[in-house]
Amino acid sequence: MQAGIRFAIAHRAEGFGMAIAYSDLEPKAGVSYKYFSSTEELAAAVDFLVVVAYGGPTTRGLVNTRVLKALGPKGFLINVARGSIVDEAALVEALKAGVIRGAALDVFANEPNVPTELLNLDNVVLTPHLASATEQTRKAMADLVLANLEAHFAGKRALSPVLT
């Protein structure tokens, strides 16, 4: 089993008897899940499209009108990655028109602002992004801050420097 949040999510979904598939730039060695070369092809094959991808220019608007149409009227979009990955205007229209059945989002394109259109829909669940809100993660964050401060005051390079 591969490491990382996407495979942790897949492993948990297996516990519910779900068939798992994924899309990426290329198939991953050692991964037994069905691979699709495009997000649109993946969306057409699943009922739950869980977005767990990095943000940035290469994934901006990756989930667009075509992907939502492929997901279809029984499909649910779950985005726990970055708000920029989903074309929010296309998502709102798809939810209103029944193109997809529903969505669950904890990230938005213009955080922390949630589009009013999403707030007013009955077929969407919205939560704050809580990915780092675990005791272990917050302790690790605090430990890193302390280690960076210790390095700085000892005249050493920070462990996680901010480059501008």
N, C-alpha and C. Protein backbone atom coordinates (compact mmCIF):
# COMPACT_ATOMS: atom_id res chain seq x y z
N MET A 1 0.85 -1.20 0.00
CA MET A 1 0.00 0.00 0.00
C MET A 1 0.88 1.24 0.00
N GLN A 2 0.55 2.17 -0.85
CA GLN A 2 1.26 3.43 -0.94
C GLN A 2 0.93 4.30 0.28
N ALA A 3 1.82 5.23 0.59
CA ALA A 3 1.60 6.18 1.66
C ALA A 3 0.87 7.40 1.12
N GLY A 4 0.36 8.20 2.00
CA GLY A 4 -0.27 9.46 1.61
C GLY A 4 -1.75 9.45 1.90
N ILE A 5 -2.30 10.66 1.95
CA ILE A 5 -3.70 10.82 2.34
C ILE A 5 -4.65 10.18 1.33
N ARG A 6 -4.32 10.27 0.03
CA ARG A 6 -5.25 9.69 -0.95
C ARG A 6 -5.39 8.19 -0.78
N PHE A 7 -4.30 7.52 -0.45
CA PHE A 7 -4.39 6.07 -0.25
C PHE A 7 -4.99 5.72 1.11
N ALA A 8 -4.82 6.59 2.08
CA ALA A 8 -5.48 6.39 3.38
C ALA A 8 -7.00 6.49 3.20
N ILE A 9 -7.45 7.45 2.40
CA ILE A 9 -8.88 7.59 2.12
C ILE A 9 -9.39 6.36 1.37
N ALA A 10 -8.62 5.93 0.37
CA ALA A 10 -9.02 4.75 -0.41
C ALA A 10 -9.14 3.52 0.49
N HIS A 11 -8.19 3.35 1.37
CA HIS A 11 -8.20 2.20 2.29
C HIS A 11 -9.46 2.23 3.16
N ARG A 12 -9.81 3.39 3.65
CA ARG A 12 -11.01 3.51 4.48
C ARG A 12 -12.28 3.23 3.67
N ALA A 13 -12.32 3.72 2.43
CA ALA A 13 -13.49 3.48 1.58
C ALA A 13 -13.67 2.00 1.28
N GLU A 14 -12.57 1.27 1.18
CA GLU A 14 -12.66 -0.17 0.97
C GLU A 14 -13.44 -0.84 2.10
N GLY A 15 -13.30 -0.30 3.30
CA GLY A 15 -14.01 -0.85 4.45
C GLY A 15 -15.52 -0.76 4.32
N PHE A 16 -15.99 0.09 3.44
CA PHE A 16 -17.42 0.22 3.17
C PHE A 16 -17.84 -0.57 1.93
N GLY A 17 -16.92 -1.40 1.43
CA GLY A 17 -17.22 -2.22 0.27
C GLY A 17 -17.18 -1.47 -1.05
N MET A 18 -16.57 -0.31 -1.06
CA MET A 18 -16.51 0.49 -2.29
C MET A 18 -15.39 -0.01 -3.19
N ALA A 19 -15.65 -0.02 -4.48
CA ALA A 19 -14.61 -0.29 -5.46
C ALA A 19 -13.83 1.02 -5.64
N ILE A 20 -12.53 0.94 -5.64
CA ILE A 20 -11.69 2.13 -5.68
C ILE A 20 -11.03 2.26 -7.06
N ALA A 21 -11.00 3.49 -7.55
CA ALA A 21 -10.31 3.80 -8.79
C ALA A 21 -9.64 5.16 -8.60
N TYR A 22 -8.69 5.47 -9.46
CA TYR A 22 -8.00 6.75 -9.32
C TYR A 22 -7.52 7.25 -10.67
N SER A 23 -7.18 8.54 -10.68
CA SER A 23 -6.59 9.16 -11.84
C SER A 23 -5.35 9.91 -11.39
N ASP A 24 -4.34 9.90 -12.21
CA ASP A 24 -3.09 10.59 -11.92
C ASP A 24 -2.38 10.80 -13.25
N LEU A 25 -1.22 11.41 -13.20
CA LEU A 25 -0.47 11.62 -14.44
C LEU A 25 -0.07 10.31 -15.09
N GLU A 26 0.16 9.29 -14.27
CA GLU A 26 0.50 7.95 -14.75
C GLU A 26 0.13 6.94 -13.68
N PRO A 27 -0.03 5.67 -14.06
CA PRO A 27 -0.34 4.65 -13.05
C PRO A 27 0.78 4.57 -12.02
N LYS A 28 0.40 4.30 -10.77
CA LYS A 28 1.37 4.19 -9.69
C LYS A 28 1.76 2.73 -9.49
N ALA A 29 3.06 2.48 -9.43
CA ALA A 29 3.57 1.11 -9.22
C ALA A 29 3.09 0.60 -7.87
N GLY A 30 2.67 -0.65 -7.86
CA GLY A 30 2.25 -1.28 -6.62
C GLY A 30 0.84 -0.94 -6.17
N VAL A 31 0.09 -0.23 -7.00
CA VAL A 31 -1.28 0.15 -6.66
C VAL A 31 -2.23 -0.74 -7.45
N SER A 32 -3.10 -1.44 -6.75
CA SER A 32 -3.99 -2.39 -7.40
C SER A 32 -5.32 -1.76 -7.85
N TYR A 33 -5.57 -0.53 -7.46
CA TYR A 33 -6.82 0.12 -7.84
C TYR A 33 -6.85 0.40 -9.35
N LYS A 34 -8.05 0.42 -9.91
CA LYS A 34 -8.20 0.70 -11.34
C LYS A 34 -7.76 2.13 -11.62
N TYR A 35 -6.97 2.28 -12.67
CA TYR A 35 -6.41 3.57 -13.07
C TYR A 35 -7.15 4.14 -14.28
N PHE A 36 -7.40 5.45 -14.24
CA PHE A 36 -7.97 6.16 -15.38
C PHE A 36 -7.00 7.29 -15.74
N SER A 37 -6.80 7.51 -17.02
CA SER A 37 -5.83 8.51 -17.45
C SER A 37 -6.37 9.94 -17.39
N SER A 38 -7.68 10.10 -17.17
CA SER A 38 -8.23 11.45 -17.06
C SER A 38 -9.27 11.51 -15.95
N THR A 39 -9.43 12.69 -15.41
CA THR A 39 -10.43 12.90 -14.36
C THR A 39 -11.83 12.69 -14.91
N GLU A 40 -12.05 13.07 -16.14
CA GLU A 40 -13.37 12.89 -16.76
C GLU A 40 -13.73 11.41 -16.88
N GLU A 41 -12.77 10.59 -17.31
CA GLU A 41 -13.01 9.14 -17.40
C GLU A 41 -13.27 8.55 -16.02
N LEU A 42 -12.51 8.99 -15.03
CA LEU A 42 -12.72 8.51 -13.66
C LEU A 42 -14.12 8.89 -13.18
N ALA A 43 -14.51 10.14 -13.39
CA ALA A 43 -15.83 10.60 -12.94
C ALA A 43 -16.96 9.79 -13.56
N ALA A 44 -16.80 9.39 -14.81
CA ALA A 44 -17.84 8.61 -15.49
C ALA A 44 -17.97 7.21 -14.90
N ALA A 45 -16.94 6.74 -14.22
CA ALA A 45 -16.92 5.37 -13.70
C ALA A 45 -17.28 5.25 -12.22
N VAL A 46 -17.46 6.38 -11.52
CA VAL A 46 -17.66 6.33 -10.07
C VAL A 46 -18.94 7.05 -9.66
N ASP A 47 -19.37 6.77 -8.44
CA ASP A 47 -20.49 7.50 -7.84
C ASP A 47 -20.00 8.59 -6.89
N PHE A 48 -18.81 8.40 -6.32
CA PHE A 48 -18.22 9.36 -5.40
C PHE A 48 -16.86 9.77 -5.95
N LEU A 49 -16.73 11.01 -6.34
CA LEU A 49 -15.46 11.53 -6.83
C LEU A 49 -14.82 12.33 -5.70
N VAL A 50 -13.80 11.74 -5.09
CA VAL A 50 -13.12 12.38 -3.97
C VAL A 50 -11.86 13.05 -4.51
N VAL A 51 -11.78 14.36 -4.35
CA VAL A 51 -10.66 15.13 -4.86
C VAL A 51 -9.60 15.24 -3.77
N VAL A 52 -8.46 14.60 -4.03
CA VAL A 52 -7.31 14.66 -3.13
C VAL A 52 -6.10 14.90 -4.03
N ALA A 53 -5.87 16.16 -4.35
CA ALA A 53 -4.80 16.53 -5.27
C ALA A 53 -4.15 17.81 -4.79
N TYR A 54 -2.96 18.07 -5.29
CA TYR A 54 -2.28 19.32 -4.95
C TYR A 54 -2.91 20.45 -5.74
N GLY A 55 -2.83 21.65 -5.19
CA GLY A 55 -3.34 22.82 -5.89
C GLY A 55 -2.27 23.44 -6.76
N GLY A 56 -2.65 24.43 -7.51
CA GLY A 56 -1.69 25.13 -8.36
C GLY A 56 -2.19 25.26 -9.78
N PRO A 57 -1.37 25.83 -10.63
CA PRO A 57 -1.80 26.10 -12.01
C PRO A 57 -2.18 24.85 -12.79
N THR A 58 -1.53 23.72 -12.53
CA THR A 58 -1.81 22.52 -13.32
C THR A 58 -3.13 21.84 -12.94
N THR A 59 -3.66 22.15 -11.76
CA THR A 59 -4.92 21.53 -11.35
C THR A 59 -6.07 22.53 -11.23
N ARG A 60 -5.81 23.79 -11.52
CA ARG A 60 -6.86 24.82 -11.42
C ARG A 60 -8.01 24.47 -12.37
N GLY A 61 -9.23 24.38 -11.81
CA GLY A 61 -10.40 24.08 -12.62
C GLY A 61 -10.43 22.67 -13.19
N LEU A 62 -9.65 21.76 -12.60
CA LEU A 62 -9.61 20.37 -13.07
C LEU A 62 -11.01 19.75 -13.06
N VAL A 63 -11.77 20.00 -12.00
CA VAL A 63 -13.15 19.51 -11.94
C VAL A 63 -14.01 20.63 -12.53
N ASN A 64 -14.40 20.41 -13.77
CA ASN A 64 -15.12 21.42 -14.54
C ASN A 64 -16.47 20.87 -15.00
N THR A 65 -17.12 21.58 -15.89
CA THR A 65 -18.44 21.17 -16.38
C THR A 65 -18.40 19.76 -16.97
N ARG A 66 -17.39 19.44 -17.76
CA ARG A 66 -17.31 18.10 -18.39
C ARG A 66 -17.18 17.00 -17.33
N VAL A 67 -16.35 17.24 -16.33
CA VAL A 67 -16.15 16.24 -15.28
C VAL A 67 -17.44 16.06 -14.48
N LEU A 68 -18.11 17.14 -14.15
CA LEU A 68 -19.35 17.06 -13.38
C LEU A 68 -20.44 16.35 -14.19
N LYS A 69 -20.51 16.62 -15.47
CA LYS A 69 -21.49 15.94 -16.33
C LYS A 69 -21.18 14.44 -16.39
N ALA A 70 -19.90 14.10 -16.46
CA ALA A 70 -19.50 12.68 -16.48
C ALA A 70 -19.85 12.00 -15.15
N LEU A 71 -19.73 12.72 -14.05
CA LEU A 71 -20.07 12.16 -12.74
C LEU A 71 -21.55 11.79 -12.69
N GLY A 72 -22.38 12.63 -13.25
CA GLY A 72 -23.78 12.29 -13.46
C GLY A 72 -24.72 12.50 -12.29
N PRO A 73 -26.01 12.27 -12.53
CA PRO A 73 -27.06 12.59 -11.56
C PRO A 73 -27.08 11.73 -10.30
N LYS A 74 -26.33 10.66 -10.26
CA LYS A 74 -26.22 9.84 -9.05
C LYS A 74 -24.92 10.16 -8.30
N GLY A 75 -24.10 11.02 -8.88
CA GLY A 75 -22.76 11.25 -8.37
C GLY A 75 -22.64 12.32 -7.31
N PHE A 76 -21.65 12.13 -6.45
CA PHE A 76 -21.31 13.08 -5.40
C PHE A 76 -19.86 13.52 -5.58
N LEU A 77 -19.64 14.81 -5.46
CA LEU A 77 -18.29 15.36 -5.48
C LEU A 77 -17.88 15.66 -4.04
N ILE A 78 -16.71 15.18 -3.65
CA ILE A 78 -16.16 15.46 -2.33
C ILE A 78 -14.78 16.08 -2.54
N ASN A 79 -14.63 17.34 -2.14
CA ASN A 79 -13.35 18.02 -2.31
C ASN A 79 -12.74 18.33 -0.95
N VAL A 80 -11.62 17.66 -0.66
CA VAL A 80 -10.88 17.90 0.58
C VAL A 80 -9.46 18.36 0.25
N ALA A 81 -9.26 18.82 -0.97
CA ALA A 81 -7.92 19.18 -1.43
C ALA A 81 -7.73 20.69 -1.40
N ARG A 82 -7.97 21.33 -2.51
CA ARG A 82 -7.84 22.78 -2.66
C ARG A 82 -9.05 23.30 -3.41
N GLY A 83 -9.53 24.48 -3.00
CA GLY A 83 -10.71 25.06 -3.64
C GLY A 83 -10.51 25.38 -5.10
N SER A 84 -9.28 25.70 -5.47
CA SER A 84 -9.00 26.08 -6.85
C SER A 84 -9.17 24.92 -7.84
N ILE A 85 -9.20 23.71 -7.35
CA ILE A 85 -9.31 22.54 -8.23
C ILE A 85 -10.70 22.42 -8.85
N VAL A 86 -11.71 22.94 -8.15
CA VAL A 86 -13.09 22.84 -8.63
C VAL A 86 -13.54 24.18 -9.19
N ASP A 87 -14.09 24.16 -10.38
CA ASP A 87 -14.72 25.34 -10.97
C ASP A 87 -16.03 25.55 -10.21
N GLU A 88 -16.03 26.48 -9.26
CA GLU A 88 -17.18 26.65 -8.37
C GLU A 88 -18.44 27.08 -9.11
N ALA A 89 -18.32 27.92 -10.12
CA ALA A 89 -19.50 28.33 -10.89
C ALA A 89 -20.13 27.12 -11.58
N ALA A 90 -19.30 26.26 -12.15
CA ALA A 90 -19.80 25.04 -12.80
C ALA A 90 -20.43 24.11 -11.77
N LEU A 91 -19.82 24.04 -10.59
CA LEU A 91 -20.37 23.19 -9.53
C LEU A 91 -21.74 23.68 -9.09
N VAL A 92 -21.88 24.98 -8.87
CA VAL A 92 -23.17 25.54 -8.45
C VAL A 92 -24.24 25.21 -9.49
N GLU A 93 -23.92 25.41 -10.75
CA GLU A 93 -24.89 25.12 -11.81
C GLU A 93 -25.23 23.63 -11.85
N ALA A 94 -24.23 22.77 -11.69
CA ALA A 94 -24.47 21.33 -11.70
C ALA A 94 -25.35 20.90 -10.53
N LEU A 95 -25.14 21.49 -9.37
CA LEU A 95 -25.96 21.16 -8.20
C LEU A 95 -27.39 21.66 -8.38
N LYS A 96 -27.55 22.86 -8.89
CA LYS A 96 -28.89 23.42 -9.11
C LYS A 96 -29.67 22.63 -10.15
N ALA A 97 -29.00 22.22 -11.22
CA ALA A 97 -29.67 21.56 -12.34
C ALA A 97 -29.80 20.05 -12.17
N GLY A 98 -29.25 19.50 -11.09
CA GLY A 98 -29.32 18.05 -10.90
C GLY A 98 -28.35 17.29 -11.78
N VAL A 99 -27.35 17.97 -12.31
CA VAL A 99 -26.32 17.30 -13.12
C VAL A 99 -25.59 16.29 -12.24
N ILE A 100 -25.33 16.67 -10.97
CA ILE A 100 -24.81 15.73 -9.97
C ILE A 100 -25.77 15.75 -8.79
N ARG A 101 -25.70 14.71 -7.97
CA ARG A 101 -26.64 14.59 -6.86
C ARG A 101 -26.29 15.50 -5.69
N GLY A 102 -24.98 15.63 -5.41
CA GLY A 102 -24.61 16.45 -4.27
C GLY A 102 -23.11 16.65 -4.18
N ALA A 103 -22.72 17.44 -3.19
CA ALA A 103 -21.31 17.73 -2.98
C ALA A 103 -21.04 17.92 -1.50
N ALA A 104 -19.81 17.63 -1.12
CA ALA A 104 -19.33 17.89 0.24
C ALA A 104 -17.99 18.60 0.07
N LEU A 105 -17.88 19.78 0.67
CA LEU A 105 -16.70 20.61 0.47
C LEU A 105 -16.19 21.15 1.80
N ASP A 106 -14.88 21.13 1.97
CA ASP A 106 -14.30 21.83 3.11
C ASP A 106 -13.23 22.81 2.66
N VAL A 107 -13.17 23.05 1.37
CA VAL A 107 -12.25 24.04 0.79
C VAL A 107 -13.00 24.81 -0.29
N PHE A 108 -12.59 26.06 -0.48
CA PHE A 108 -13.27 26.93 -1.41
C PHE A 108 -12.24 27.77 -2.17
N ALA A 109 -12.61 28.22 -3.35
CA ALA A 109 -11.67 28.95 -4.20
C ALA A 109 -11.20 30.25 -3.55
N ASN A 110 -12.08 30.92 -2.83
CA ASN A 110 -11.75 32.21 -2.23
C ASN A 110 -11.87 32.14 -0.71
N GLU A 111 -11.08 31.25 -0.12
CA GLU A 111 -11.16 31.07 1.34
C GLU A 111 -10.83 32.36 2.06
N PRO A 112 -11.50 32.64 3.14
CA PRO A 112 -12.50 31.82 3.82
C PRO A 112 -13.92 32.09 3.35
N ASN A 113 -14.06 32.81 2.25
CA ASN A 113 -15.40 33.16 1.76
C ASN A 113 -16.04 31.99 1.03
N VAL A 114 -17.23 31.64 1.46
CA VAL A 114 -18.00 30.57 0.82
C VAL A 114 -19.04 31.23 -0.08
N PRO A 115 -19.12 30.83 -1.34
CA PRO A 115 -20.12 31.43 -2.23
C PRO A 115 -21.54 31.28 -1.67
N THR A 116 -22.27 32.37 -1.69
CA THR A 116 -23.65 32.37 -1.18
C THR A 116 -24.49 31.31 -1.86
N GLU A 117 -24.24 31.10 -3.16
CA GLU A 117 -25.02 30.11 -3.90
C GLU A 117 -24.88 28.72 -3.28
N LEU A 118 -23.68 28.39 -2.80
CA LEU A 118 -23.48 27.09 -2.16
C LEU A 118 -24.18 27.02 -0.81
N LEU A 119 -24.15 28.12 -0.08
CA LEU A 119 -24.79 28.16 1.24
C LEU A 119 -26.29 27.91 1.16
N ASN A 120 -26.89 28.27 0.04
CA ASN A 120 -28.34 28.19 -0.11
C ASN A 120 -28.83 26.87 -0.72
N LEU A 121 -27.93 25.94 -1.00
CA LEU A 121 -28.34 24.68 -1.63
C LEU A 121 -28.54 23.59 -0.58
N ASP A 122 -29.56 22.76 -0.80
CA ASP A 122 -29.85 21.65 0.11
C ASP A 122 -29.03 20.40 -0.18
N ASN A 123 -28.40 20.33 -1.35
CA ASN A 123 -27.68 19.12 -1.73
C ASN A 123 -26.16 19.28 -1.62
N VAL A 124 -25.74 20.13 -0.67
CA VAL A 124 -24.31 20.33 -0.44
C VAL A 124 -24.05 20.40 1.06
N VAL A 125 -22.94 19.80 1.47
CA VAL A 125 -22.50 19.87 2.87
C VAL A 125 -21.20 20.68 2.87
N LEU A 126 -21.16 21.71 3.71
CA LEU A 126 -20.01 22.60 3.78
C LEU A 126 -19.44 22.59 5.20
N THR A 127 -18.14 22.44 5.30
CA THR A 127 -17.48 22.49 6.60
C THR A 127 -16.20 23.29 6.46
N PRO A 128 -15.69 23.81 7.58
CA PRO A 128 -14.37 24.46 7.50
C PRO A 128 -13.30 23.42 7.23
N HIS A 129 -12.21 23.84 6.61
CA HIS A 129 -11.10 22.93 6.32
C HIS A 129 -10.38 22.63 7.63
N LEU A 130 -10.46 21.39 8.08
CA LEU A 130 -9.92 21.00 9.38
C LEU A 130 -8.80 19.99 9.28
N ALA A 131 -8.16 19.90 8.13
CA ALA A 131 -7.17 18.86 7.90
C ALA A 131 -6.05 18.84 8.93
N SER A 132 -5.64 20.00 9.39
CA SER A 132 -4.53 20.02 10.34
C SER A 132 -5.01 20.12 11.78
N ALA A 133 -6.29 20.00 12.01
CA ALA A 133 -6.83 20.19 13.35
C ALA A 133 -6.83 18.91 14.17
N THR A 134 -5.69 18.25 14.22
CA THR A 134 -5.56 17.10 15.11
C THR A 134 -4.50 17.45 16.15
N GLU A 135 -4.60 16.81 17.26
CA GLU A 135 -3.63 17.04 18.33
C GLU A 135 -2.21 16.76 17.86
N GLN A 136 -2.03 15.66 17.13
CA GLN A 136 -0.71 15.28 16.67
C GLN A 136 -0.14 16.30 15.68
N THR A 137 -0.97 16.76 14.74
CA THR A 137 -0.51 17.71 13.74
C THR A 137 -0.17 19.05 14.37
N ARG A 138 -1.01 19.52 15.27
CA ARG A 138 -0.74 20.80 15.92
C ARG A 138 0.51 20.73 16.78
N LYS A 139 0.74 19.59 17.43
CA LYS A 139 1.98 19.43 18.22
C LYS A 139 3.19 19.44 17.29
N ALA A 140 3.09 18.74 16.16
CA ALA A 140 4.20 18.72 15.20
C ALA A 140 4.47 20.13 14.66
N MET A 141 3.42 20.91 14.43
CA MET A 141 3.59 22.29 13.96
C MET A 141 4.31 23.13 15.02
N ALA A 142 3.89 22.99 16.27
CA ALA A 142 4.53 23.74 17.35
C ALA A 142 5.99 23.32 17.51
N ASP A 143 6.25 22.01 17.42
CA ASP A 143 7.63 21.51 17.52
C ASP A 143 8.50 22.08 16.41
N LEU A 144 7.96 22.19 15.21
CA LEU A 144 8.71 22.73 14.08
C LEU A 144 9.02 24.22 14.30
N VAL A 145 8.06 24.96 14.81
CA VAL A 145 8.30 26.38 15.11
C VAL A 145 9.44 26.51 16.11
N LEU A 146 9.40 25.71 17.18
CA LEU A 146 10.46 25.77 18.19
C LEU A 146 11.82 25.38 17.59
N ALA A 147 11.84 24.35 16.77
CA ALA A 147 13.10 23.92 16.15
C ALA A 147 13.64 25.00 15.22
N ASN A 148 12.76 25.69 14.50
CA ASN A 148 13.19 26.79 13.63
C ASN A 148 13.75 27.94 14.45
N LEU A 149 13.10 28.25 15.55
CA LEU A 149 13.60 29.32 16.42
C LEU A 149 14.96 28.96 17.02
N GLU A 150 15.09 27.73 17.49
CA GLU A 150 16.37 27.28 18.05
C GLU A 150 17.47 27.37 17.00
N ALA A 151 17.20 26.94 15.79
CA ALA A 151 18.19 27.00 14.71
C ALA A 151 18.56 28.46 14.42
N HIS A 152 17.57 29.31 14.33
CA HIS A 152 17.82 30.73 14.02
C HIS A 152 18.72 31.36 15.08
N PHE A 153 18.38 31.18 16.34
CA PHE A 153 19.14 31.82 17.41
C PHE A 153 20.50 31.16 17.64
N ALA A 154 20.69 29.97 17.06
CA ALA A 154 22.01 29.32 17.13
C ALA A 154 22.84 29.68 15.89
N GLY A 155 22.31 30.57 15.04
CA GLY A 155 23.03 30.99 13.85
C GLY A 155 23.01 29.96 12.73
N LYS A 156 22.06 29.04 12.77
CA LYS A 156 21.95 28.01 11.74
C LYS A 156 20.76 28.32 10.82
N ARG A 157 20.74 27.61 9.71
CA ARG A 157 19.62 27.76 8.77
C ARG A 157 18.37 27.11 9.37
N ALA A 158 17.24 27.77 9.19
CA ALA A 158 15.98 27.23 9.67
C ALA A 158 15.68 25.89 8.99
N LEU A 159 14.96 25.03 9.70
CA LEU A 159 14.59 23.72 9.14
C LEU A 159 13.58 23.88 8.00
N SER A 160 12.73 24.88 8.11
CA SER A 160 11.73 25.12 7.05
C SER A 160 11.72 26.62 6.76
N PRO A 161 12.73 27.09 6.02
CA PRO A 161 12.83 28.53 5.76
C PRO A 161 11.72 29.01 4.84
N VAL A 162 11.30 30.23 5.02
CA VAL A 162 10.33 30.87 4.13
C VAL A 162 11.14 31.67 3.13
N LEU A 163 11.01 31.32 1.89
CA LEU A 163 11.77 32.00 0.84
C LEU A 163 10.87 33.00 0.14
N THR A 164 11.37 34.20 -0.04
CA THR A 164 10.54 35.22 -0.70
C THR A 164 11.22 35.69 -1.97
